[in-house]
Amino acid sequence: MTPLRIVPPSPGALPNEDIAFGIASWSKPERAPEYSVKYRWRDRNGRICRGGEFPVHSIARAAILALQSGQLQLSDQERSELREFVEHQ
């Protein structure tokens, strides 16, 4: 099994939270693995809790929806980094 890759919290994130990429719980062993994003945080007792999974292939569409609805706003630096990344794809 592929280990989770932890992404450190972003500057505006709540304390004790992270995002992990890993093999999705719905992935079937007989097929190529499917990956998901897993949001995790620590509860009051320090235990890691998980709020579910989101298919990796849906991230771009979800970000566009969040931007269009005003629920996600990018800083100038984030906008610049995103533009540069997209231009080099």
PDB file of N, CA and C in Angstrom:
ATOM      1  N   MET A   1       0.839  -1.179   0.000  1.00  0.00           N
ATOM      2  CA  MET A   1       0.000   0.000   0.000  1.00  0.00           C
ATOM      3  C   MET A   1       0.884   1.243   0.000  1.00  0.00           C
ATOM      4  N   THR A   2       0.526   2.227  -0.811  1.00  0.00           N
ATOM      5  CA  THR A   2       1.273   3.470  -0.904  1.00  0.00           C
ATOM      6  C   THR A   2       1.043   4.302   0.349  1.00  0.00           C
ATOM      7  N   PRO A   3       2.104   4.765   1.010  1.00  0.00           N
ATOM      8  CA  PRO A   3       1.901   5.595   2.195  1.00  0.00           C
ATOM      9  C   PRO A   3       1.287   6.942   1.825  1.00  0.00           C
ATOM     10  N   LEU A   4       0.617   7.550   2.776  1.00  0.00           N
ATOM     11  CA  LEU A   4       0.035   8.875   2.566  1.00  0.00           C
ATOM     12  C   LEU A   4       1.138   9.905   2.474  1.00  0.00           C
ATOM     13  N   ARG A   5       0.930  10.903   1.647  1.00  0.00           N
ATOM     14  CA  ARG A   5       1.869  12.014   1.580  1.00  0.00           C
ATOM     15  C   ARG A   5       1.193  13.196   2.253  1.00  0.00           C
ATOM     16  N   ILE A   6       1.792  13.702   3.280  1.00  0.00           N
ATOM     17  CA  ILE A   6       1.205  14.785   4.062  1.00  0.00           C
ATOM     18  C   ILE A   6       1.626  16.127   3.483  1.00  0.00           C
ATOM     19  N   VAL A   7       0.671  17.015   3.366  1.00  0.00           N
ATOM     20  CA  VAL A   7       0.923  18.377   2.914  1.00  0.00           C
ATOM     21  C   VAL A   7       0.802  19.272   4.138  1.00  0.00           C
ATOM     22  N   PRO A   8       1.825  20.069   4.459  1.00  0.00           N
ATOM     23  CA  PRO A   8       1.723  20.914   5.651  1.00  0.00           C
ATOM     24  C   PRO A   8       0.568  21.900   5.531  1.00  0.00           C
ATOM     25  N   PRO A   9       0.001  22.309   6.652  1.00  0.00           N
ATOM     26  CA  PRO A   9      -1.110  23.273   6.612  1.00  0.00           C
ATOM     27  C   PRO A   9      -0.716  24.558   5.899  1.00  0.00           C
ATOM     28  N   SER A  10      -1.657  25.131   5.180  1.00  0.00           N
ATOM     29  CA  SER A  10      -1.415  26.410   4.517  1.00  0.00           C
ATOM     30  C   SER A  10      -1.414  27.510   5.556  1.00  0.00           C
ATOM     31  N   PRO A  11      -0.887  28.700   5.230  1.00  0.00           N
ATOM     32  CA  PRO A  11      -0.788  29.778   6.215  1.00  0.00           C
ATOM     33  C   PRO A  11      -2.113  30.141   6.890  1.00  0.00           C
ATOM     34  N   GLY A  12      -3.245  30.024   6.206  1.00  0.00           N
ATOM     35  CA  GLY A  12      -4.527  30.377   6.802  1.00  0.00           C
ATOM     36  C   GLY A  12      -5.253  29.209   7.427  1.00  0.00           C
ATOM     37  N   ALA A  13      -4.607  28.059   7.499  1.00  0.00           N
ATOM     38  CA  ALA A  13      -5.275  26.858   7.991  1.00  0.00           C
ATOM     39  C   ALA A  13      -5.442  26.878   9.508  1.00  0.00           C
ATOM     40  N   LEU A  14      -6.376  26.093   9.969  1.00  0.00           N
ATOM     41  CA  LEU A  14      -6.578  25.927  11.409  1.00  0.00           C
ATOM     42  C   LEU A  14      -5.413  25.127  11.976  1.00  0.00           C
ATOM     43  N   PRO A  15      -5.127  25.291  13.267  1.00  0.00           N
ATOM     44  CA  PRO A  15      -4.036  24.501  13.856  1.00  0.00           C
ATOM     45  C   PRO A  15      -4.369  23.003  13.825  1.00  0.00           C
ATOM     46  N   ASN A  16      -3.359  22.200  13.744  1.00  0.00           N
ATOM     47  CA  ASN A  16      -3.495  20.744  13.819  1.00  0.00           C
ATOM     48  C   ASN A  16      -4.333  20.132  12.696  1.00  0.00           C
ATOM     49  N   GLU A  17      -4.272  20.675  11.519  1.00  0.00           N
ATOM     50  CA  GLU A  17      -4.969  20.067  10.392  1.00  0.00           C
ATOM     51  C   GLU A  17      -3.980  19.805   9.271  1.00  0.00           C
ATOM     52  N   ASP A  18      -4.307  18.884   8.405  1.00  0.00           N
ATOM     53  CA  ASP A  18      -3.473  18.637   7.244  1.00  0.00           C
ATOM     54  C   ASP A  18      -4.307  17.990   6.146  1.00  0.00           C
ATOM     55  N   ILE A  19      -3.698  17.863   5.000  1.00  0.00           N
ATOM     56  CA  ILE A  19      -4.307  17.200   3.856  1.00  0.00           C
ATOM     57  C   ILE A  19      -3.360  16.093   3.444  1.00  0.00           C
ATOM     58  N   ALA A  20      -3.902  14.926   3.191  1.00  0.00           N
ATOM     59  CA  ALA A  20      -3.082  13.792   2.789  1.00  0.00           C
ATOM     60  C   ALA A  20      -3.588  13.250   1.462  1.00  0.00           C
ATOM     61  N   PHE A  21      -2.657  12.814   0.611  1.00  0.00           N
ATOM     62  CA  PHE A  21      -2.999  12.127  -0.626  1.00  0.00           C
ATOM     63  C   PHE A  21      -2.727  10.647  -0.388  1.00  0.00           C
ATOM     64  N   GLY A  22      -3.623   9.802  -0.849  1.00  0.00           N
ATOM     65  CA  GLY A  22      -3.398   8.380  -0.688  1.00  0.00           C
ATOM     66  C   GLY A  22      -4.335   7.581  -1.558  1.00  0.00           C
ATOM     67  N   ILE A  23      -4.206   6.280  -1.471  1.00  0.00           N
ATOM     68  CA  ILE A  23      -5.095   5.402  -2.230  1.00  0.00           C
ATOM     69  C   ILE A  23      -6.489   5.531  -1.640  1.00  0.00           C
ATOM     70  N   ALA A  24      -7.472   5.712  -2.513  1.00  0.00           N
ATOM     71  CA  ALA A  24      -8.852   5.912  -2.080  1.00  0.00           C
ATOM     72  C   ALA A  24      -9.424   4.649  -1.451  1.00  0.00           C
ATOM     73  N   SER A  25     -10.332   4.836  -0.511  1.00  0.00           N
ATOM     74  CA  SER A  25     -10.947   3.694   0.159  1.00  0.00           C
ATOM     75  C   SER A  25     -11.788   2.866  -0.810  1.00  0.00           C
ATOM     76  N   TRP A  26     -12.263   3.484  -1.878  1.00  0.00           N
ATOM     77  CA  TRP A  26     -13.094   2.770  -2.859  1.00  0.00           C
ATOM     78  C   TRP A  26     -12.270   2.093  -3.958  1.00  0.00           C
ATOM     79  N   SER A  27     -10.957   2.279  -3.932  1.00  0.00           N
ATOM     80  CA  SER A  27     -10.085   1.688  -4.943  1.00  0.00           C
ATOM     81  C   SER A  27     -10.129   0.162  -4.843  1.00  0.00           C
ATOM     82  N   LYS A  28     -10.238  -0.496  -5.975  1.00  0.00           N
ATOM     83  CA  LYS A  28     -10.320  -1.961  -6.009  1.00  0.00           C
ATOM     84  C   LYS A  28      -8.935  -2.547  -6.302  1.00  0.00           C
ATOM     85  N   PRO A  29      -8.523  -3.557  -5.527  1.00  0.00           N
ATOM     86  CA  PRO A  29      -7.178  -4.119  -5.688  1.00  0.00           C
ATOM     87  C   PRO A  29      -6.894  -4.675  -7.083  1.00  0.00           C
ATOM     88  N   GLU A  30      -7.923  -5.145  -7.781  1.00  0.00           N
ATOM     89  CA  GLU A  30      -7.688  -5.757  -9.098  1.00  0.00           C
ATOM     90  C   GLU A  30      -7.514  -4.723 -10.208  1.00  0.00           C
ATOM     91  N   ARG A  31      -7.700  -3.446  -9.907  1.00  0.00           N
ATOM     92  CA  ARG A  31      -7.540  -2.374 -10.894  1.00  0.00           C
ATOM     93  C   ARG A  31      -6.369  -1.474 -10.507  1.00  0.00           C
ATOM     94  N   ALA A  32      -6.054  -0.562 -11.415  1.00  0.00           N
ATOM     95  CA  ALA A  32      -5.040   0.451 -11.084  1.00  0.00           C
ATOM     96  C   ALA A  32      -5.577   1.275  -9.909  1.00  0.00           C
ATOM     97  N   PRO A  33      -4.729   1.660  -8.979  1.00  0.00           N
ATOM     98  CA  PRO A  33      -5.226   2.384  -7.810  1.00  0.00           C
ATOM     99  C   PRO A  33      -5.834   3.745  -8.160  1.00  0.00           C
ATOM    100  N   GLU A  34      -6.883   4.105  -7.434  1.00  0.00           N
ATOM    101  CA  GLU A  34      -7.469   5.432  -7.522  1.00  0.00           C
ATOM    102  C   GLU A  34      -7.013   6.197  -6.285  1.00  0.00           C
ATOM    103  N   TYR A  35      -6.804   7.507  -6.446  1.00  0.00           N
ATOM    104  CA  TYR A  35      -6.283   8.302  -5.344  1.00  0.00           C
ATOM    105  C   TYR A  35      -7.305   9.325  -4.875  1.00  0.00           C
ATOM    106  N   SER A  36      -7.170   9.688  -3.602  1.00  0.00           N
ATOM    107  CA  SER A  36      -8.070  10.674  -3.030  1.00  0.00           C
ATOM    108  C   SER A  36      -7.286  11.624  -2.128  1.00  0.00           C
ATOM    109  N   VAL A  37      -7.942  12.729  -1.827  1.00  0.00           N
ATOM    110  CA  VAL A  37      -7.438  13.703  -0.870  1.00  0.00           C
ATOM    111  C   VAL A  37      -8.184  13.451   0.424  1.00  0.00           C
ATOM    112  N   LYS A  38      -7.468  13.427   1.515  1.00  0.00           N
ATOM    113  CA  LYS A  38      -8.081  13.153   2.814  1.00  0.00           C
ATOM    114  C   LYS A  38      -7.786  14.317   3.752  1.00  0.00           C
ATOM    115  N   TYR A  39      -8.836  14.935   4.249  1.00  0.00           N
ATOM    116  CA  TYR A  39      -8.686  16.039   5.198  1.00  0.00           C
ATOM    117  C   TYR A  39      -8.649  15.448   6.594  1.00  0.00           C
ATOM    118  N   ARG A  40      -7.638  15.846   7.370  1.00  0.00           N
ATOM    119  CA  ARG A  40      -7.475  15.290   8.715  1.00  0.00           C
ATOM    120  C   ARG A  40      -7.201  16.407   9.711  1.00  0.00           C
ATOM    121  N   TRP A  41      -7.590  16.176  10.939  1.00  0.00           N
ATOM    122  CA  TRP A  41      -7.332  17.128  12.014  1.00  0.00           C
ATOM    123  C   TRP A  41      -7.209  16.369  13.322  1.00  0.00           C
ATOM    124  N   ARG A  42      -6.714  17.038  14.336  1.00  0.00           N
ATOM    125  CA  ARG A  42      -6.604  16.430  15.667  1.00  0.00           C
ATOM    126  C   ARG A  42      -7.761  16.919  16.530  1.00  0.00           C
ATOM    127  N   ASP A  43      -8.375  15.983  17.262  1.00  0.00           N
ATOM    128  CA  ASP A  43      -9.455  16.364  18.165  1.00  0.00           C
ATOM    129  C   ASP A  43      -8.875  16.880  19.487  1.00  0.00           C
ATOM    130  N   ARG A  44      -9.734  17.173  20.428  1.00  0.00           N
ATOM    131  CA  ARG A  44      -9.284  17.727  21.724  1.00  0.00           C
ATOM    132  C   ARG A  44      -8.315  16.822  22.456  1.00  0.00           C
ATOM    133  N   ASN A  45      -8.424  15.523  22.220  1.00  0.00           N
ATOM    134  CA  ASN A  45      -7.553  14.560  22.895  1.00  0.00           C
ATOM    135  C   ASN A  45      -6.298  14.232  22.092  1.00  0.00           C
ATOM    136  N   GLY A  46      -6.129  14.930  20.954  1.00  0.00           N
ATOM    137  CA  GLY A  46      -4.941  14.724  20.145  1.00  0.00           C
ATOM    138  C   GLY A  46      -5.039  13.587  19.145  1.00  0.00           C
ATOM    139  N   ARG A  47      -6.201  12.939  19.075  1.00  0.00           N
ATOM    140  CA  ARG A  47      -6.383  11.843  18.115  1.00  0.00           C
ATOM    141  C   ARG A  47      -6.651  12.410  16.724  1.00  0.00           C
ATOM    142  N   ILE A  48      -6.138  11.717  15.714  1.00  0.00           N
ATOM    143  CA  ILE A  48      -6.356  12.156  14.337  1.00  0.00           C
ATOM    144  C   ILE A  48      -7.748  11.730  13.891  1.00  0.00           C
ATOM    145  N   CYS A  49      -8.513  12.688  13.380  1.00  0.00           N
ATOM    146  CA  CYS A  49      -9.849  12.439  12.839  1.00  0.00           C
ATOM    147  C   CYS A  49      -9.787  12.699  11.344  1.00  0.00           C
ATOM    148  N   ARG A  50     -10.662  12.038  10.608  1.00  0.00           N
ATOM    149  CA  ARG A  50     -10.679  12.219   9.166  1.00  0.00           C
ATOM    150  C   ARG A  50     -12.090  12.571   8.733  1.00  0.00           C
ATOM    151  N   GLY A  51     -12.208  13.561   7.855  1.00  0.00           N
ATOM    152  CA  GLY A  51     -13.511  14.023   7.434  1.00  0.00           C
ATOM    153  C   GLY A  51     -13.965  13.481   6.102  1.00  0.00           C
ATOM    154  N   GLY A  52     -13.412  12.429   5.642  1.00  0.00           N
ATOM    155  CA  GLY A  52     -13.847  11.863   4.378  1.00  0.00           C
ATOM    156  C   GLY A  52     -12.810  12.051   3.289  1.00  0.00           C
ATOM    157  N   GLU A  53     -13.188  11.634   2.109  1.00  0.00           N
ATOM    158  CA  GLU A  53     -12.261  11.657   0.983  1.00  0.00           C
ATOM    159  C   GLU A  53     -12.871  12.383  -0.201  1.00  0.00           C
ATOM    160  N   PHE A  54     -11.995  12.887  -1.043  1.00  0.00           N
ATOM    161  CA  PHE A  54     -12.401  13.621  -2.237  1.00  0.00           C
ATOM    162  C   PHE A  54     -11.542  13.098  -3.377  1.00  0.00           C
ATOM    163  N   PRO A  55     -12.146  12.653  -4.488  1.00  0.00           N
ATOM    164  CA  PRO A  55     -11.337  12.125  -5.594  1.00  0.00           C
ATOM    165  C   PRO A  55     -10.372  13.185  -6.139  1.00  0.00           C
ATOM    166  N   VAL A  56      -9.124  12.799  -6.320  1.00  0.00           N
ATOM    167  CA  VAL A  56      -8.112  13.730  -6.814  1.00  0.00           C
ATOM    168  C   VAL A  56      -8.519  14.333  -8.157  1.00  0.00           C
ATOM    169  N   HIS A  57      -9.141  13.529  -9.032  1.00  0.00           N
ATOM    170  CA  HIS A  57      -9.492  14.043 -10.361  1.00  0.00           C
ATOM    171  C   HIS A  57     -10.559  15.136 -10.309  1.00  0.00           C
ATOM    172  N   SER A  58     -11.185  15.354  -9.159  1.00  0.00           N
ATOM    173  CA  SER A  58     -12.216  16.389  -9.029  1.00  0.00           C
ATOM    174  C   SER A  58     -11.717  17.688  -8.406  1.00  0.00           C
ATOM    175  N   ILE A  59     -10.454  17.750  -8.033  1.00  0.00           N
ATOM    176  CA  ILE A  59      -9.931  18.917  -7.324  1.00  0.00           C
ATOM    177  C   ILE A  59     -10.046  20.193  -8.152  1.00  0.00           C
ATOM    178  N   ALA A  60      -9.643  20.153  -9.415  1.00  0.00           N
ATOM    179  CA  ALA A  60      -9.665  21.370 -10.237  1.00  0.00           C
ATOM    180  C   ALA A  60     -11.087  21.908 -10.367  1.00  0.00           C
ATOM    181  N   ARG A  61     -12.043  21.041 -10.636  1.00  0.00           N
ATOM    182  CA  ARG A  61     -13.441  21.489 -10.790  1.00  0.00           C
ATOM    183  C   ARG A  61     -13.970  22.063  -9.478  1.00  0.00           C
ATOM    184  N   ALA A  62     -13.624  21.439  -8.354  1.00  0.00           N
ATOM    185  CA  ALA A  62     -14.066  21.935  -7.050  1.00  0.00           C
ATOM    186  C   ALA A  62     -13.469  23.316  -6.756  1.00  0.00           C
ATOM    187  N   ALA A  63     -12.206  23.509  -7.115  1.00  0.00           N
ATOM    188  CA  ALA A  63     -11.567  24.808  -6.900  1.00  0.00           C
ATOM    189  C   ALA A  63     -12.227  25.891  -7.752  1.00  0.00           C
ATOM    190  N   ILE A  64     -12.542  25.564  -9.001  1.00  0.00           N
ATOM    191  CA  ILE A  64     -13.216  26.531  -9.877  1.00  0.00           C
ATOM    192  C   ILE A  64     -14.570  26.904  -9.291  1.00  0.00           C
ATOM    193  N   LEU A  65     -15.328  25.928  -8.845  1.00  0.00           N
ATOM    194  CA  LEU A  65     -16.636  26.189  -8.240  1.00  0.00           C
ATOM    195  C   LEU A  65     -16.507  27.072  -6.999  1.00  0.00           C
ATOM    196  N   ALA A  66     -15.526  26.775  -6.148  1.00  0.00           N
ATOM    197  CA  ALA A  66     -15.315  27.570  -4.938  1.00  0.00           C
ATOM    198  C   ALA A  66     -14.917  29.005  -5.273  1.00  0.00           C
ATOM    199  N   LEU A  67     -14.084  29.188  -6.297  1.00  0.00           N
ATOM    200  CA  LEU A  67     -13.693  30.535  -6.726  1.00  0.00           C
ATOM    201  C   LEU A  67     -14.894  31.288  -7.288  1.00  0.00           C
ATOM    202  N   GLN A  68     -15.676  30.629  -8.133  1.00  0.00           N
ATOM    203  CA  GLN A  68     -16.837  31.279  -8.741  1.00  0.00           C
ATOM    204  C   GLN A  68     -17.881  31.673  -7.706  1.00  0.00           C
ATOM    205  N   SER A  69     -18.016  30.879  -6.660  1.00  0.00           N
ATOM    206  CA  SER A  69     -19.027  31.158  -5.639  1.00  0.00           C
ATOM    207  C   SER A  69     -18.537  32.147  -4.583  1.00  0.00           C
ATOM    208  N   GLY A  70     -17.251  32.483  -4.638  1.00  0.00           N
ATOM    209  CA  GLY A  70     -16.696  33.417  -3.656  1.00  0.00           C
ATOM    210  C   GLY A  70     -16.278  32.766  -2.350  1.00  0.00           C
ATOM    211  N   GLN A  71     -16.372  31.438  -2.265  1.00  0.00           N
ATOM    212  CA  GLN A  71     -15.974  30.733  -1.048  1.00  0.00           C
ATOM    213  C   GLN A  71     -14.463  30.561  -0.934  1.00  0.00           C
ATOM    214  N   LEU A  72     -13.768  30.746  -2.039  1.00  0.00           N
ATOM    215  CA  LEU A  72     -12.316  30.643  -2.066  1.00  0.00           C
ATOM    216  C   LEU A  72     -11.773  31.892  -2.740  1.00  0.00           C
ATOM    217  N   GLN A  73     -10.843  32.531  -2.087  1.00  0.00           N
ATOM    218  CA  GLN A  73     -10.200  33.709  -2.655  1.00  0.00           C
ATOM    219  C   GLN A  73      -8.695  33.496  -2.628  1.00  0.00           C
ATOM    220  N   LEU A  74      -8.055  33.800  -3.743  1.00  0.00           N
ATOM    221  CA  LEU A  74      -6.614  33.620  -3.851  1.00  0.00           C
ATOM    222  C   LEU A  74      -5.897  34.930  -3.568  1.00  0.00           C
ATOM    223  N   SER A  75      -4.763  34.820  -2.887  1.00  0.00           N
ATOM    224  CA  SER A  75      -3.908  35.982  -2.707  1.00  0.00           C
ATOM    225  C   SER A  75      -3.229  36.274  -4.046  1.00  0.00           C
ATOM    226  N   ASP A  76      -2.639  37.427  -4.168  1.00  0.00           N
ATOM    227  CA  ASP A  76      -1.913  37.759  -5.401  1.00  0.00           C
ATOM    228  C   ASP A  76      -0.799  36.746  -5.659  1.00  0.00           C
ATOM    229  N   GLN A  77      -0.119  36.333  -4.606  1.00  0.00           N
ATOM    230  CA  GLN A  77       0.968  35.365  -4.757  1.00  0.00           C
ATOM    231  C   GLN A  77       0.419  34.017  -5.220  1.00  0.00           C
ATOM    232  N   GLU A  78      -0.683  33.554  -4.630  1.00  0.00           N
ATOM    233  CA  GLU A  78      -1.275  32.284  -5.045  1.00  0.00           C
ATOM    234  C   GLU A  78      -1.752  32.340  -6.491  1.00  0.00           C
ATOM    235  N   ARG A  79      -2.346  33.454  -6.871  1.00  0.00           N
ATOM    236  CA  ARG A  79      -2.813  33.634  -8.249  1.00  0.00           C
ATOM    237  C   ARG A  79      -1.634  33.570  -9.219  1.00  0.00           C
ATOM    238  N   SER A  80      -0.539  34.241  -8.860  1.00  0.00           N
ATOM    239  CA  SER A  80       0.659  34.248  -9.697  1.00  0.00           C
ATOM    240  C   SER A  80       1.248  32.842  -9.819  1.00  0.00           C
ATOM    241  N   GLU A  81       1.339  32.121  -8.688  1.00  0.00           N
ATOM    242  CA  GLU A  81       1.884  30.769  -8.707  1.00  0.00           C
ATOM    243  C   GLU A  81       1.009  29.840  -9.537  1.00  0.00           C
ATOM    244  N   LEU A  82      -0.297  29.971  -9.414  1.00  0.00           N
ATOM    245  CA  LEU A  82      -1.220  29.137 -10.178  1.00  0.00           C
ATOM    246  C   LEU A  82      -1.099  29.421 -11.666  1.00  0.00           C
ATOM    247  N   ARG A  83      -1.030  30.694 -12.030  1.00  0.00           N
ATOM    248  CA  ARG A  83      -0.894  31.089 -13.438  1.00  0.00           C
ATOM    249  C   ARG A  83       0.392  30.517 -14.014  1.00  0.00           C
ATOM    250  N   GLU A  84       1.492  30.642 -13.271  1.00  0.00           N
ATOM    251  CA  GLU A  84       2.775  30.131 -13.739  1.00  0.00           C
ATOM    252  C   GLU A  84       2.735  28.608 -13.902  1.00  0.00           C
ATOM    253  N   PHE A  85       2.125  27.930 -12.970  1.00  0.00           N
ATOM    254  CA  PHE A  85       2.011  26.474 -13.044  1.00  0.00           C
ATOM    255  C   PHE A  85       1.218  26.050 -14.280  1.00  0.00           C
ATOM    256  N   VAL A  86       0.073  26.673 -14.492  1.00  0.00           N
ATOM    257  CA  VAL A  86      -0.790  26.321 -15.619  1.00  0.00           C
ATOM    258  C   VAL A  86      -0.094  26.590 -16.956  1.00  0.00           C
ATOM    259  N   GLU A  87       0.639  27.682 -17.040  1.00  0.00           N
ATOM    260  CA  GLU A  87       1.330  28.024 -18.283  1.00  0.00           C
ATOM    261  C   GLU A  87       2.418  27.006 -18.639  1.00  0.00           C
ATOM    262  N   HIS A  88       2.961  26.311 -17.641  1.00  0.00           N
ATOM    263  CA  HIS A  88       4.043  25.356 -17.894  1.00  0.00           C
ATOM    264  C   HIS A  88       3.557  23.923 -18.004  1.00  0.00           C
ATOM    265  N   GLN A  89       2.284  23.713 -18.120  1.00  0.00           N
ATOM    266  CA  GLN A  89       1.724  22.362 -18.287  1.00  0.00           C
ATOM    267  C   GLN A  89       1.693  21.958 -19.726  1.00  0.00           C
TER     268      GLN A  89
END
